[in-house]
C-alpha cells in the first residue's frame, strides 16, 4: 500500500521555490527539525551554524504565521509534521579548461517545504503537563529566592539594631559602671592653662628687661660719640692739611736736586755722522748710452 504523498499531508504549509542551494544541503538541516515542536524547532535552527538553517527558519516562521492567521491555530500547539526539499531547475554554466576544452558547471536550486500541524491530544496533554510542572518549579524557585532575600534582610536589620542598642547602652550606662581610675580632664586642663600663663608672663618680663637694657646702652653710646665728634674732625683735618703740604715741598726739592745732578754727571755724546744711503738703481750699460748719442761723419767713413 503506497504512503501518503507529500502534497496530501494535512496541515498548514509554506513553500520556498527556486532557492539557490542544492537539495542535499537543505535536507541536512530539515532532518534536525522534523517532528519537533514549533518552539523547539526554532531554537534548534537559531543554534545551527549552517547557511541553510537561516532559510529554513524563515520558512518555518511563515508556516506558523499561516496556521495562526489562516487556520486560527494556537502557535504553542503546533509541531513540524513534515518538511522536505525537492530539486529545482539547474542552471548550466561553462568553465574553460586546458587544450580548448570546457567543463560544465551546474548551479542547482531547490524547493523547500515546511508543514506544521496541531499536536495530537496525547502529546498535547503531555506538553501541558510539562509546562505546568515547569511553571510550578519556576514559581517555587522564585518564592524560595524571595524568602531567602527576606531572611537575609531581616538578619541584617537585626544586627544593625543590636549594634545601635549596644552603642546606646555604652553611652548612657550608670555611673558605677564607668571607669573611675581615669584622671579628671577638667583639672588637667586648668593646670595646663596655668602653666602656659606663667610661661607667657616670664617670657614677656625677660623680653621687656632686655629691650630696656639695650635701649639704655645705645643712648649712652650715642651721647659719647656726639660729644667727641667736633674736636676730632677739626684736628684730623688740620693734621691732614699740614702733612700734605710738607710732603709736597719735600717731593719738589728732591726732584730739583736729581735733575741738577743728572745734568752735571752726563758727558757730552758726539753726534754720529749720517751714512750715505746706497742706491738700489742699476747703472745703464754704456752701449745703450753710445747708441743714443749721434754719430759723426768720420765715424761713418771708418
C-alpha atoms as a PDB file:
ATOM      1  CA  UNK A   1       0.000   0.000   0.000  1.00  0.00           C
ATOM      2  CA  UNK A   2       1.562   3.293  -1.057  1.00  0.00           C
ATOM      3  CA  UNK A   3       2.176   6.010   1.549  1.00  0.00           C
ATOM      4  CA  UNK A   4       0.706   9.456   1.695  1.00  0.00           C
ATOM      5  CA  UNK A   5       2.005  11.794  -0.919  1.00  0.00           C
ATOM      6  CA  UNK A   6       3.815  14.907   0.158  1.00  0.00           C
ATOM      7  CA  UNK A   7       1.268  17.191  -1.402  1.00  0.00           C
ATOM      8  CA  UNK A   8      -1.501  15.353   0.503  1.00  0.00           C
ATOM      9  CA  UNK A   9      -0.046  15.711   4.026  1.00  0.00           C
ATOM     10  CA  UNK A  10      -2.587  17.522   6.231  1.00  0.00           C
ATOM     11  CA  UNK A  11      -1.536  20.749   7.872  1.00  0.00           C
ATOM     12  CA  UNK A  12      -0.551  24.302   7.042  1.00  0.00           C
ATOM     13  CA  UNK A  13       2.416  24.653   4.780  1.00  0.00           C
ATOM     14  CA  UNK A  14       4.902  27.236   3.495  1.00  0.00           C
ATOM     15  CA  UNK A  15       6.953  26.724   0.321  1.00  0.00           C
ATOM     16  CA  UNK A  16      10.116  28.442  -0.899  1.00  0.00           C
ATOM     17  CA  UNK A  17      10.769  27.779  -4.567  1.00  0.00           C
ATOM     18  CA  UNK A  18      13.954  28.041  -6.676  1.00  0.00           C
ATOM     19  CA  UNK A  19      16.249  28.814  -3.841  1.00  0.00           C
ATOM     20  CA  UNK A  20      19.916  28.825  -4.938  1.00  0.00           C
ATOM     21  CA  UNK A  21      21.010  25.861  -2.840  1.00  0.00           C
ATOM     22  CA  UNK A  22      21.272  22.188  -3.529  1.00  0.00           C
ATOM     23  CA  UNK A  23      18.527  19.979  -2.140  1.00  0.00           C
ATOM     24  CA  UNK A  24      21.151  17.869  -0.364  1.00  0.00           C
ATOM     25  CA  UNK A  25      22.314  20.832   1.808  1.00  0.00           C
ATOM     26  CA  UNK A  26      18.723  21.815   2.642  1.00  0.00           C
ATOM     27  CA  UNK A  27      17.812  18.242   3.633  1.00  0.00           C
ATOM     28  CA  UNK A  28      20.711  18.168   6.132  1.00  0.00           C
ATOM     29  CA  UNK A  29      19.032  20.994   8.038  1.00  0.00           C
ATOM     30  CA  UNK A  30      15.462  19.796   7.653  1.00  0.00           C
ATOM     31  CA  UNK A  31      16.336  16.472   9.268  1.00  0.00           C
ATOM     32  CA  UNK A  32      17.145  18.347  12.519  1.00  0.00           C
ATOM     33  CA  UNK A  33      13.643  19.789  12.997  1.00  0.00           C
ATOM     34  CA  UNK A  34      11.360  17.115  11.589  1.00  0.00           C
ATOM     35  CA  UNK A  35       8.745  16.054  14.179  1.00  0.00           C
ATOM     36  CA  UNK A  36       9.812  18.744  16.728  1.00  0.00           C
ATOM     37  CA  UNK A  37       7.564  21.309  18.356  1.00  0.00           C
ATOM     38  CA  UNK A  38       7.483  24.649  16.598  1.00  0.00           C
ATOM     39  CA  UNK A  39       9.167  26.455  19.505  1.00  0.00           C
ATOM     40  CA  UNK A  40      11.839  23.783  19.882  1.00  0.00           C
ATOM     41  CA  UNK A  41      12.482  23.682  16.119  1.00  0.00           C
ATOM     42  CA  UNK A  42      13.004  27.459  16.078  1.00  0.00           C
ATOM     43  CA  UNK A  43      15.557  27.216  18.888  1.00  0.00           C
ATOM     44  CA  UNK A  44      17.448  24.442  17.082  1.00  0.00           C
ATOM     45  CA  UNK A  45      17.593  26.412  13.825  1.00  0.00           C
ATOM     46  CA  UNK A  46      18.883  29.552  15.551  1.00  0.00           C
ATOM     47  CA  UNK A  47      21.688  27.494  17.137  1.00  0.00           C
ATOM     48  CA  UNK A  48      22.699  25.665  13.921  1.00  0.00           C
ATOM     49  CA  UNK A  49      25.812  27.161  12.220  1.00  0.00           C
ATOM     50  CA  UNK A  50      24.810  26.486   8.600  1.00  0.00           C
ATOM     51  CA  UNK A  51      23.591  28.728   5.806  1.00  0.00           C
ATOM     52  CA  UNK A  52      20.535  26.549   5.177  1.00  0.00           C
ATOM     53  CA  UNK A  53      19.348  26.947   8.795  1.00  0.00           C
ATOM     54  CA  UNK A  54      18.640  30.659   8.288  1.00  0.00           C
ATOM     55  CA  UNK A  55      16.462  29.943   5.239  1.00  0.00           C
ATOM     56  CA  UNK A  56      14.585  27.036   6.866  1.00  0.00           C
ATOM     57  CA  UNK A  57      13.881  29.199   9.940  1.00  0.00           C
ATOM     58  CA  UNK A  58      12.200  31.794   7.702  1.00  0.00           C
ATOM     59  CA  UNK A  59      10.083  29.141   6.000  1.00  0.00           C
ATOM     60  CA  UNK A  60       9.065  27.717   9.416  1.00  0.00           C
ATOM     61  CA  UNK A  61       8.050  31.171  10.680  1.00  0.00           C
ATOM     62  CA  UNK A  62       5.968  31.650   7.552  1.00  0.00           C
ATOM     63  CA  UNK A  63       4.205  28.305   8.090  1.00  0.00           C
ATOM     64  CA  UNK A  64       3.399  29.159  11.729  1.00  0.00           C
ATOM     65  CA  UNK A  65       2.048  32.562  10.682  1.00  0.00           C
ATOM     66  CA  UNK A  66      -0.148  30.911   8.053  1.00  0.00           C
ATOM     67  CA  UNK A  67      -1.522  28.483  10.641  1.00  0.00           C
ATOM     68  CA  UNK A  68      -2.296  31.289  13.094  1.00  0.00           C
ATOM     69  CA  UNK A  69      -3.836  33.689  10.597  1.00  0.00           C
ATOM     70  CA  UNK A  70      -5.475  31.361   8.116  1.00  0.00           C
ATOM     71  CA  UNK A  71      -6.455  28.315  10.201  1.00  0.00           C
ATOM     72  CA  UNK A  72      -6.800  30.063  13.621  1.00  0.00           C
ATOM     73  CA  UNK A  73      -4.473  27.602  15.351  1.00  0.00           C
ATOM     74  CA  UNK A  74      -2.540  28.263  18.542  1.00  0.00           C
ATOM     75  CA  UNK A  75       1.220  28.600  17.759  1.00  0.00           C
ATOM     76  CA  UNK A  76       2.072  26.862  21.080  1.00  0.00           C
ATOM     77  CA  UNK A  77       0.211  23.696  19.944  1.00  0.00           C
ATOM     78  CA  UNK A  78       1.961  23.329  16.555  1.00  0.00           C
ATOM     79  CA  UNK A  79       4.728  20.979  15.518  1.00  0.00           C
ATOM     80  CA  UNK A  80       6.636  20.281  12.284  1.00  0.00           C
ATOM     81  CA  UNK A  81       4.624  17.399  10.865  1.00  0.00           C
ATOM     82  CA  UNK A  82       6.547  17.257   7.579  1.00  0.00           C
ATOM     83  CA  UNK A  83       9.405  19.037   5.827  1.00  0.00           C
ATOM     84  CA  UNK A  84      11.276  18.197   2.648  1.00  0.00           C
ATOM     85  CA  UNK A  85      13.369  19.711  -0.126  1.00  0.00           C
ATOM     86  CA  UNK A  86      12.820  18.922  -3.811  1.00  0.00           C
ATOM     87  CA  UNK A  87      15.260  19.616  -6.600  1.00  0.00           C
ATOM     88  CA  UNK A  88      14.506  22.622  -8.736  1.00  0.00           C
ATOM     89  CA  UNK A  89      15.812  23.749 -12.073  1.00  0.00           C
ATOM     90  CA  UNK A  90      19.581  23.584 -12.651  1.00  0.00           C
ATOM     91  CA  UNK A  91      21.469  26.479 -14.227  1.00  0.00           C
ATOM     92  CA  UNK A  92      24.217  25.259 -16.561  1.00  0.00           C
ATOM     93  CA  UNK A  93      27.405  27.261 -16.938  1.00  0.00           C
ATOM     94  CA  UNK A  94      30.762  26.520 -18.575  1.00  0.00           C
ATOM     95  CA  UNK A  95      34.332  26.929 -17.386  1.00  0.00           C
ATOM     96  CA  UNK A  96      37.295  26.940 -19.827  1.00  0.00           C
ATOM     97  CA  UNK A  97      39.888  24.231 -19.313  1.00  0.00           C
ATOM     98  CA  UNK A  98      43.143  23.113 -20.923  1.00  0.00           C
ATOM     99  CA  UNK A  99      43.508  22.187 -24.619  1.00  0.00           C
ATOM    100  CA  UNK A 100      40.492  24.223 -25.594  1.00  0.00           C
ATOM    101  CA  UNK A 101      38.081  22.135 -23.614  1.00  0.00           C
ATOM    102  CA  UNK A 102      35.209  23.332 -21.368  1.00  0.00           C
ATOM    103  CA  UNK A 103      33.774  21.950 -18.133  1.00  0.00           C
ATOM    104  CA  UNK A 104      30.116  22.124 -17.208  1.00  0.00           C
ATOM    105  CA  UNK A 105      29.087  23.979 -14.007  1.00  0.00           C
ATOM    106  CA  UNK A 106      25.720  23.033 -12.506  1.00  0.00           C
ATOM    107  CA  UNK A 107      24.126  25.724 -10.320  1.00  0.00           C
ATOM    108  CA  UNK A 108      21.417  23.774  -8.565  1.00  0.00           C
ATOM    109  CA  UNK A 109      18.224  25.082  -6.943  1.00  0.00           C
ATOM    110  CA  UNK A 110      15.639  23.512  -4.629  1.00  0.00           C
ATOM    111  CA  UNK A 111      12.067  23.900  -3.378  1.00  0.00           C
ATOM    112  CA  UNK A 112      11.827  23.889   0.447  1.00  0.00           C
ATOM    113  CA  UNK A 113       8.500  22.922   2.007  1.00  0.00           C
ATOM    114  CA  UNK A 114       7.625  23.027   5.724  1.00  0.00           C
ATOM    115  CA  UNK A 115       4.261  21.743   7.034  1.00  0.00           C
ATOM    116  CA  UNK A 116       3.027  22.424  10.578  1.00  0.00           C
ATOM    117  CA  UNK A 117       0.051  20.733  12.233  1.00  0.00           C
ATOM    118  CA  UNK A 118      -1.700  20.689  15.583  1.00  0.00           C
ATOM    119  CA  UNK A 119      -0.223  18.293  18.107  1.00  0.00           C
ATOM    120  CA  UNK A 120      -2.141  15.048  18.848  1.00  0.00           C
ATOM    121  CA  UNK A 121      -4.161  15.008  22.045  1.00  0.00           C
ATOM    122  CA  UNK A 122      -1.797  12.718  23.928  1.00  0.00           C
ATOM    123  CA  UNK A 123       1.257  14.795  23.030  1.00  0.00           C
ATOM    124  CA  UNK A 124      -0.648  17.964  23.725  1.00  0.00           C
ATOM    125  CA  UNK A 125      -1.690  16.682  27.170  1.00  0.00           C
ATOM    126  CA  UNK A 126       1.884  15.663  27.901  1.00  0.00           C
ATOM    127  CA  UNK A 127       3.142  19.077  26.818  1.00  0.00           C
ATOM    128  CA  UNK A 128       0.610  20.851  29.004  1.00  0.00           C
ATOM    129  CA  UNK A 129       1.657  18.759  31.998  1.00  0.00           C
ATOM    130  CA  UNK A 130       5.295  19.565  31.371  1.00  0.00           C
ATOM    131  CA  UNK A 131       4.533  23.263  31.032  1.00  0.00           C
ATOM    132  CA  UNK A 132       2.544  23.247  34.277  1.00  0.00           C
ATOM    133  CA  UNK A 133       5.339  21.444  36.115  1.00  0.00           C
ATOM    134  CA  UNK A 134       7.899  23.870  34.754  1.00  0.00           C
ATOM    135  CA  UNK A 135       5.739  26.823  35.821  1.00  0.00           C
ATOM    136  CA  UNK A 136       5.297  25.320  39.315  1.00  0.00           C
ATOM    137  CA  UNK A 137       9.034  24.727  39.652  1.00  0.00           C
ATOM    138  CA  UNK A 138       9.780  28.232  38.485  1.00  0.00           C
ATOM    139  CA  UNK A 139       7.254  29.647  40.957  1.00  0.00           C
ATOM    140  CA  UNK A 140       8.729  27.615  43.813  1.00  0.00           C
ATOM    141  CA  UNK A 141      12.244  28.746  42.945  1.00  0.00           C
ATOM    142  CA  UNK A 142      11.073  32.342  42.823  1.00  0.00           C
ATOM    143  CA  UNK A 143       9.320  32.035  46.197  1.00  0.00           C
ATOM    144  CA  UNK A 144      12.366  30.386  47.776  1.00  0.00           C
ATOM    145  CA  UNK A 145      14.620  33.135  46.438  1.00  0.00           C
ATOM    146  CA  UNK A 146      12.323  35.838  47.794  1.00  0.00           C
ATOM    147  CA  UNK A 147      12.212  34.113  51.204  1.00  0.00           C
ATOM    148  CA  UNK A 148      15.996  33.903  51.326  1.00  0.00           C
ATOM    149  CA  UNK A 149      16.221  37.592  50.479  1.00  0.00           C
ATOM    150  CA  UNK A 150      13.691  38.440  53.217  1.00  0.00           C
ATOM    151  CA  UNK A 151      15.564  36.353  55.820  1.00  0.00           C
ATOM    152  CA  UNK A 152      18.883  37.915  54.854  1.00  0.00           C
ATOM    153  CA  UNK A 153      17.369  41.383  55.052  1.00  0.00           C
ATOM    154  CA  UNK A 154      15.853  40.635  58.476  1.00  0.00           C
ATOM    155  CA  UNK A 155      19.177  39.337  59.807  1.00  0.00           C
ATOM    156  CA  UNK A 156      20.949  42.460  58.587  1.00  0.00           C
ATOM    157  CA  UNK A 157      18.383  44.738  60.190  1.00  0.00           C
ATOM    158  CA  UNK A 158      18.543  42.764  63.469  1.00  0.00           C
ATOM    159  CA  UNK A 159      22.313  43.027  63.579  1.00  0.00           C
ATOM    160  CA  UNK A 160      22.185  46.764  62.937  1.00  0.00           C
ATOM    161  CA  UNK A 161      19.566  47.254  65.676  1.00  0.00           C
ATOM    162  CA  UNK A 162      21.657  45.248  68.164  1.00  0.00           C
ATOM    163  CA  UNK A 163      24.711  47.364  67.384  1.00  0.00           C
ATOM    164  CA  UNK A 164      22.713  50.563  67.885  1.00  0.00           C
ATOM    165  CA  UNK A 165      21.323  49.324  71.230  1.00  0.00           C
ATOM    166  CA  UNK A 166      24.815  48.324  72.389  1.00  0.00           C
ATOM    167  CA  UNK A 167      26.153  51.755  71.465  1.00  0.00           C
ATOM    168  CA  UNK A 168      23.288  53.478  73.337  1.00  0.00           C
ATOM    169  CA  UNK A 169      23.844  51.284  76.401  1.00  0.00           C
ATOM    170  CA  UNK A 170      27.548  52.076  76.477  1.00  0.00           C
ATOM    171  CA  UNK A 171      26.916  55.831  76.209  1.00  0.00           C
ATOM    172  CA  UNK A 172      24.091  56.120  78.840  1.00  0.00           C
ATOM    173  CA  UNK A 173      25.052  53.448  81.448  1.00  0.00           C
ATOM    174  CA  UNK A 174      25.032  54.010  85.272  1.00  0.00           C
ATOM    175  CA  UNK A 175      27.818  55.969  86.913  1.00  0.00           C
ATOM    176  CA  UNK A 176      29.018  52.946  88.924  1.00  0.00           C
ATOM    177  CA  UNK A 177      29.944  51.128  85.707  1.00  0.00           C
ATOM    178  CA  UNK A 178      32.134  53.946  84.477  1.00  0.00           C
ATOM    179  CA  UNK A 179      35.931  53.841  84.861  1.00  0.00           C
ATOM    180  CA  UNK A 180      36.837  55.904  87.975  1.00  0.00           C
ATOM    181  CA  UNK A 181      40.572  55.353  87.584  1.00  0.00           C
ATOM    182  CA  UNK A 182      40.789  57.823  84.681  1.00  0.00           C
ATOM    183  CA  UNK A 183      42.151  61.282  85.626  1.00  0.00           C
ATOM    184  CA  UNK A 184      39.854  64.262  85.750  1.00  0.00           C
ATOM    185  CA  UNK A 185      40.007  66.056  82.445  1.00  0.00           C
ATOM    186  CA  UNK A 186      38.928  69.418  83.914  1.00  0.00           C
ATOM    187  CA  UNK A 187      41.775  69.527  86.463  1.00  0.00           C
ATOM    188  CA  UNK A 188      44.339  68.633  83.828  1.00  0.00           C
ATOM    189  CA  UNK A 189      43.028  71.404  81.584  1.00  0.00           C
ATOM    190  CA  UNK A 190      43.210  74.022  84.389  1.00  0.00           C
ATOM    191  CA  UNK A 191      46.780  73.033  85.262  1.00  0.00           C
ATOM    192  CA  UNK A 192      47.872  73.237  81.645  1.00  0.00           C
ATOM    193  CA  UNK A 193      46.285  76.697  81.285  1.00  0.00           C
ATOM    194  CA  UNK A 194      48.016  77.969  84.467  1.00  0.00           C
ATOM    195  CA  UNK A 195      51.439  76.707  83.331  1.00  0.00           C
ATOM    196  CA  UNK A 196      51.013  78.321  79.930  1.00  0.00           C
ATOM    197  CA  UNK A 197      50.058  81.677  81.556  1.00  0.00           C
ATOM    198  CA  UNK A 198      53.107  81.611  83.862  1.00  0.00           C
ATOM    199  CA  UNK A 199      55.444  80.809  80.986  1.00  0.00           C
ATOM    200  CA  UNK A 200      53.974  83.660  78.938  1.00  0.00           C
ATOM    201  CA  UNK A 201      54.406  86.167  81.795  1.00  0.00           C
ATOM    202  CA  UNK A 202      58.042  85.146  82.356  1.00  0.00           C
ATOM    203  CA  UNK A 203      58.845  85.425  78.657  1.00  0.00           C
ATOM    204  CA  UNK A 204      57.218  88.880  78.481  1.00  0.00           C
ATOM    205  CA  UNK A 205      59.171  90.126  81.570  1.00  0.00           C
ATOM    206  CA  UNK A 206      62.508  88.859  80.207  1.00  0.00           C
ATOM    207  CA  UNK A 207      61.908  90.442  76.820  1.00  0.00           C
ATOM    208  CA  UNK A 208      60.963  93.781  78.402  1.00  0.00           C
ATOM    209  CA  UNK A 209      64.117  93.847  80.598  1.00  0.00           C
ATOM    210  CA  UNK A 210      66.376  93.008  77.683  1.00  0.00           C
ATOM    211  CA  UNK A 211      64.797  95.681  75.488  1.00  0.00           C
ATOM    212  CA  UNK A 212      65.200  98.335  78.253  1.00  0.00           C
ATOM    213  CA  UNK A 213      68.894  97.452  78.838  1.00  0.00           C
ATOM    214  CA  UNK A 214      69.681  97.554  75.126  1.00  0.00           C
ATOM    215  CA  UNK A 215      67.975 100.934  74.697  1.00  0.00           C
ATOM    216  CA  UNK A 216      69.941 102.446  77.631  1.00  0.00           C
ATOM    217  CA  UNK A 217      73.290 101.210  76.294  1.00  0.00           C
ATOM    218  CA  UNK A 218      72.588 102.566  72.801  1.00  0.00           C
ATOM    219  CA  UNK A 219      71.597 106.003  74.185  1.00  0.00           C
ATOM    220  CA  UNK A 220      74.824 106.251  76.268  1.00  0.00           C
ATOM    221  CA  UNK A 221      76.997 105.318  73.289  1.00  0.00           C
ATOM    222  CA  UNK A 222      75.311 107.901  71.023  1.00  0.00           C
ATOM    223  CA  UNK A 223      75.874 110.740  73.544  1.00  0.00           C
ATOM    224  CA  UNK A 224      79.605 109.920  73.853  1.00  0.00           C
ATOM    225  CA  UNK A 225      80.036 109.909  70.096  1.00  0.00           C
ATOM    226  CA  UNK A 226      78.210 113.241  69.688  1.00  0.00           C
ATOM    227  CA  UNK A 227      80.406 114.986  72.332  1.00  0.00           C
ATOM    228  CA  UNK A 228      83.664 113.830  70.689  1.00  0.00           C
ATOM    229  CA  UNK A 229      82.842 114.379  67.009  1.00  0.00           C
ATOM    230  CA  UNK A 230      83.510 118.213  66.548  1.00  0.00           C
ATOM    231  CA  UNK A 231      87.030 118.383  68.106  1.00  0.00           C
ATOM    232  CA  UNK A 232      88.179 115.206  66.476  1.00  0.00           C
ATOM    233  CA  UNK A 233      87.119 116.254  62.961  1.00  0.00           C
ATOM    234  CA  UNK A 234      88.936 119.640  63.140  1.00  0.00           C
ATOM    235  CA  UNK A 235      92.153 118.086  64.421  1.00  0.00           C
ATOM    236  CA  UNK A 236      92.110 115.429  61.766  1.00  0.00           C
ATOM    237  CA  UNK A 237      91.501 117.987  59.003  1.00  0.00           C
ATOM    238  CA  UNK A 238      94.393 120.220  60.220  1.00  0.00           C
ATOM    239  CA  UNK A 239      96.832 117.355  60.544  1.00  0.00           C
ATOM    240  CA  UNK A 240      95.975 116.063  57.084  1.00  0.00           C
ATOM    241  CA  UNK A 241      96.431 119.516  55.518  1.00  0.00           C
ATOM    242  CA  UNK A 242      99.862 120.219  57.124  1.00  0.00           C
ATOM    243  CA  UNK A 243     101.087 116.700  56.281  1.00  0.00           C
ATOM    244  CA  UNK A 244     100.077 117.094  52.626  1.00  0.00           C
ATOM    245  CA  UNK A 245     101.885 120.478  52.311  1.00  0.00           C
ATOM    246  CA  UNK A 246     105.142 119.185  53.823  1.00  0.00           C
ATOM    247  CA  UNK A 247     105.092 116.088  51.608  1.00  0.00           C
ATOM    248  CA  UNK A 248     104.586 118.258  48.500  1.00  0.00           C
ATOM    249  CA  UNK A 249     107.529 120.569  49.362  1.00  0.00           C
ATOM    250  CA  UNK A 250     109.868 117.637  50.017  1.00  0.00           C
ATOM    251  CA  UNK A 251     108.944 115.996  46.694  1.00  0.00           C
ATOM    252  CA  UNK A 252     109.614 119.233  44.742  1.00  0.00           C
ATOM    253  CA  UNK A 253     113.057 119.734  46.383  1.00  0.00           C
ATOM    254  CA  UNK A 254     114.083 116.156  45.728  1.00  0.00           C
ATOM    255  CA  UNK A 255     113.105 116.384  42.052  1.00  0.00           C
ATOM    256  CA  UNK A 256     115.182 119.600  41.524  1.00  0.00           C
ATOM    257  CA  UNK A 257     118.263 118.079  43.110  1.00  0.00           C
ATOM    258  CA  UNK A 258     118.001 114.936  40.975  1.00  0.00           C
ATOM    259  CA  UNK A 259     117.717 116.964  37.766  1.00  0.00           C
ATOM    260  CA  UNK A 260     120.809 119.094  38.606  1.00  0.00           C
ATOM    261  CA  UNK A 261     122.940 116.064  39.474  1.00  0.00           C
ATOM    262  CA  UNK A 262     121.939 114.345  36.274  1.00  0.00           C
ATOM    263  CA  UNK A 263     122.974 117.308  34.107  1.00  0.00           C
ATOM    264  CA  UNK A 264     126.459 117.544  35.738  1.00  0.00           C
ATOM    265  CA  UNK A 265     127.221 113.834  35.536  1.00  0.00           C
ATOM    266  CA  UNK A 266     126.023 113.195  31.963  1.00  0.00           C
ATOM    267  CA  UNK A 267     129.005 113.567  29.424  1.00  0.00           C
ATOM    268  CA  UNK A 268     128.585 115.108  26.018  1.00  0.00           C
ATOM    269  CA  UNK A 269     127.990 112.464  23.335  1.00  0.00           C
ATOM    270  CA  UNK A 270     129.271 113.368  19.808  1.00  0.00           C
ATOM    271  CA  UNK A 271     126.675 113.206  17.098  1.00  0.00           C
ATOM    272  CA  UNK A 272     127.017 110.245  14.776  1.00  0.00           C
ATOM    273  CA  UNK A 273     127.651 111.067  11.090  1.00  0.00           C
ATOM    274  CA  UNK A 274     124.899 110.070   8.791  1.00  0.00           C
ATOM    275  CA  UNK A 275     125.787 107.316   6.370  1.00  0.00           C
ATOM    276  CA  UNK A 276     125.037 107.737   2.701  1.00  0.00           C
ATOM    277  CA  UNK A 277     122.213 105.555   1.537  1.00  0.00           C
ATOM    278  CA  UNK A 278     123.141 103.123  -1.174  1.00  0.00           C
ATOM    279  CA  UNK A 279     121.373 103.486  -4.465  1.00  0.00           C
ATOM    280  CA  UNK A 280     119.372 100.498  -5.472  1.00  0.00           C
ATOM    281  CA  UNK A 281     119.105 101.561  -9.120  1.00  0.00           C
ATOM    282  CA  UNK A 282     121.284  99.674 -11.642  1.00  0.00           C
ATOM    283  CA  UNK A 283     123.622 101.656 -13.954  1.00  0.00           C
ATOM    284  CA  UNK A 284     122.700 101.577 -17.560  1.00  0.00           C
ATOM    285  CA  UNK A 285     125.213  99.883 -19.904  1.00  0.00           C
ATOM    286  CA  UNK A 286     127.488 102.113 -21.994  1.00  0.00           C
ATOM    287  CA  UNK A 287     126.271 100.599 -25.232  1.00  0.00           C
ATOM    288  CA  UNK A 288     122.887 101.998 -24.633  1.00  0.00           C
ATOM    289  CA  UNK A 289     124.360 105.476 -23.920  1.00  0.00           C
ATOM    290  CA  UNK A 290     126.536 105.352 -27.075  1.00  0.00           C
ATOM    291  CA  UNK A 291     123.723 104.163 -29.194  1.00  0.00           C
ATOM    292  CA  UNK A 292     121.674 107.091 -28.106  1.00  0.00           C
ATOM    293  CA  UNK A 293     124.409 109.698 -28.957  1.00  0.00           C
ATOM    294  CA  UNK A 294     124.511 110.978 -32.593  1.00  0.00           C
ATOM    295  CA  UNK A 295     127.267 109.613 -34.831  1.00  0.00           C
ATOM    296  CA  UNK A 296     129.639 111.846 -36.812  1.00  0.00           C
ATOM    297  CA  UNK A 297     130.639 111.608 -40.471  1.00  0.00           C
ATOM    298  CA  UNK A 298     134.189 110.455 -39.742  1.00  0.00           C
ATOM    299  CA  UNK A 299     132.918 107.511 -37.852  1.00  0.00           C
ATOM    300  CA  UNK A 300     130.730 106.581 -40.781  1.00  0.00           C
ATOM    301  CA  UNK A 301     133.695 106.602 -43.116  1.00  0.00           C
ATOM    302  CA  UNK A 302     135.798 104.367 -40.939  1.00  0.00           C
END
